[in-house]
Amino acid sequence: MPKRIQAADPNQSDQIIYVGASIDLIGLQQFAVYRGGIPDFAQDAVKACPDLAELFVPIEQLNQARRDIQRHGSALRAYYLNARS
């Protein structure tokens, strides 16, 4: 399972990618890339639905995350489905 990402840290230079479904209401787009953790504008949504935090993965893990979302029974698929509802 992909590594859990924390809130934005300006000292963190790793890129992460959001693999969940787009949420137009807050401007969170599927496959958007961020630097320094989960973006500030998404923090309220993450607090309301903690599963969203699991859908931000290191960009190096994108291919594995996409496979996990498609695989029935995977934790990432469960987070994806919970976040969509």
Protein backbone atom coordinates (compact mmCIF):
# COMPACT_ATOMS: atom_id res chain seq x y z
CA MET A 1 0.00 0.00 0.00
CA PRO A 2 1.33 3.50 -0.78
CA LYS A 3 2.97 5.55 1.95
CA ARG A 4 0.66 7.90 3.91
CA ILE A 5 1.16 11.62 3.19
CA GLN A 6 0.87 14.35 5.81
CA ALA A 7 -0.33 17.93 5.53
CA ALA A 8 1.72 20.35 3.43
CA ASP A 9 5.25 20.92 4.70
CA PRO A 10 7.17 23.62 2.84
CA ASN A 11 10.44 21.84 3.66
CA GLN A 12 9.28 18.61 1.98
CA SER A 13 10.25 18.58 -1.70
CA ASP A 14 8.76 15.24 -2.75
CA GLN A 15 5.93 15.35 -5.25
CA ILE A 16 2.65 13.60 -4.52
CA ILE A 17 -0.26 12.86 -6.80
CA TYR A 18 -3.96 12.67 -5.99
CA VAL A 19 -5.36 9.39 -7.34
CA GLY A 20 -8.95 9.79 -6.18
CA ALA A 21 -11.90 11.00 -8.21
CA SER A 22 -12.00 14.72 -8.99
CA ILE A 23 -13.91 16.90 -6.53
CA ASP A 24 -14.85 20.00 -8.51
CA LEU A 25 -16.43 21.72 -5.50
CA ILE A 26 -13.01 22.23 -3.90
CA GLY A 27 -10.89 22.16 -7.07
CA LEU A 28 -9.23 18.82 -6.39
CA GLN A 29 -8.51 17.11 -9.71
CA GLN A 30 -7.64 13.47 -10.27
CA PHE A 31 -3.93 13.03 -11.04
CA ALA A 32 -3.04 16.57 -9.94
CA VAL A 33 0.54 16.75 -8.65
CA TYR A 34 1.48 18.65 -5.49
CA ARG A 35 4.74 19.42 -3.77
CA GLY A 36 5.14 19.42 0.00
CA GLY A 37 2.18 17.30 1.08
CA ILE A 38 -1.57 17.58 0.91
CA PRO A 39 -2.49 21.11 -0.26
CA ASP A 40 -4.04 23.52 2.21
CA PHE A 41 -7.23 23.93 0.17
CA ALA A 42 -7.97 20.22 0.58
CA GLN A 43 -7.46 20.08 4.36
CA ASP A 44 -11.12 20.65 5.30
CA ALA A 45 -12.20 17.88 2.91
CA VAL A 46 -9.59 15.54 4.40
CA LYS A 47 -10.87 16.32 7.90
CA ALA A 48 -14.43 15.55 6.78
CA CYS A 49 -13.37 12.37 4.94
CA PRO A 50 -10.03 11.01 6.24
CA ASP A 51 -9.96 8.43 3.43
CA LEU A 52 -9.04 11.27 1.05
CA ALA A 53 -5.63 11.53 2.70
CA GLU A 54 -4.87 7.98 1.61
CA LEU A 55 -5.44 8.96 -2.01
CA PHE A 56 -2.42 11.28 -2.08
CA VAL A 57 0.53 9.05 -2.93
CA PRO A 58 4.17 9.66 -3.82
CA ILE A 59 4.36 10.17 -7.56
CA GLU A 60 6.76 7.22 -7.84
CA GLN A 61 3.92 4.97 -6.63
CA LEU A 62 1.33 6.12 -9.19
CA ASN A 63 1.32 2.93 -11.26
CA GLN A 64 0.98 0.71 -8.19
CA ALA A 65 -1.76 2.95 -6.77
CA ARG A 66 -3.74 2.74 -10.02
CA ARG A 67 -3.46 -1.06 -9.96
CA ASP A 68 -4.51 -1.14 -6.30
CA ILE A 69 -7.59 1.00 -6.99
CA GLN A 70 -8.67 -1.49 -9.67
CA ARG A 71 -8.01 -4.56 -7.50
CA HIS A 72 -11.06 -5.71 -5.54
CA GLY A 73 -10.31 -6.06 -1.84
CA SER A 74 -7.36 -3.65 -1.76
CA ALA A 75 -7.24 -0.98 0.93
CA LEU A 76 -6.68 1.78 -1.63
CA ARG A 77 -9.80 0.71 -3.56
CA ALA A 78 -11.80 0.91 -0.32
CA TYR A 79 -10.46 4.44 0.34
CA TYR A 80 -11.30 5.43 -3.25
CA LEU A 81 -14.86 4.11 -3.03
CA ASN A 82 -15.45 5.61 0.43
CA ALA A 83 -14.20 9.00 -0.71
CA ARG A 84 -16.49 8.94 -3.76
CA SER A 85 -19.62 8.44 -1.66
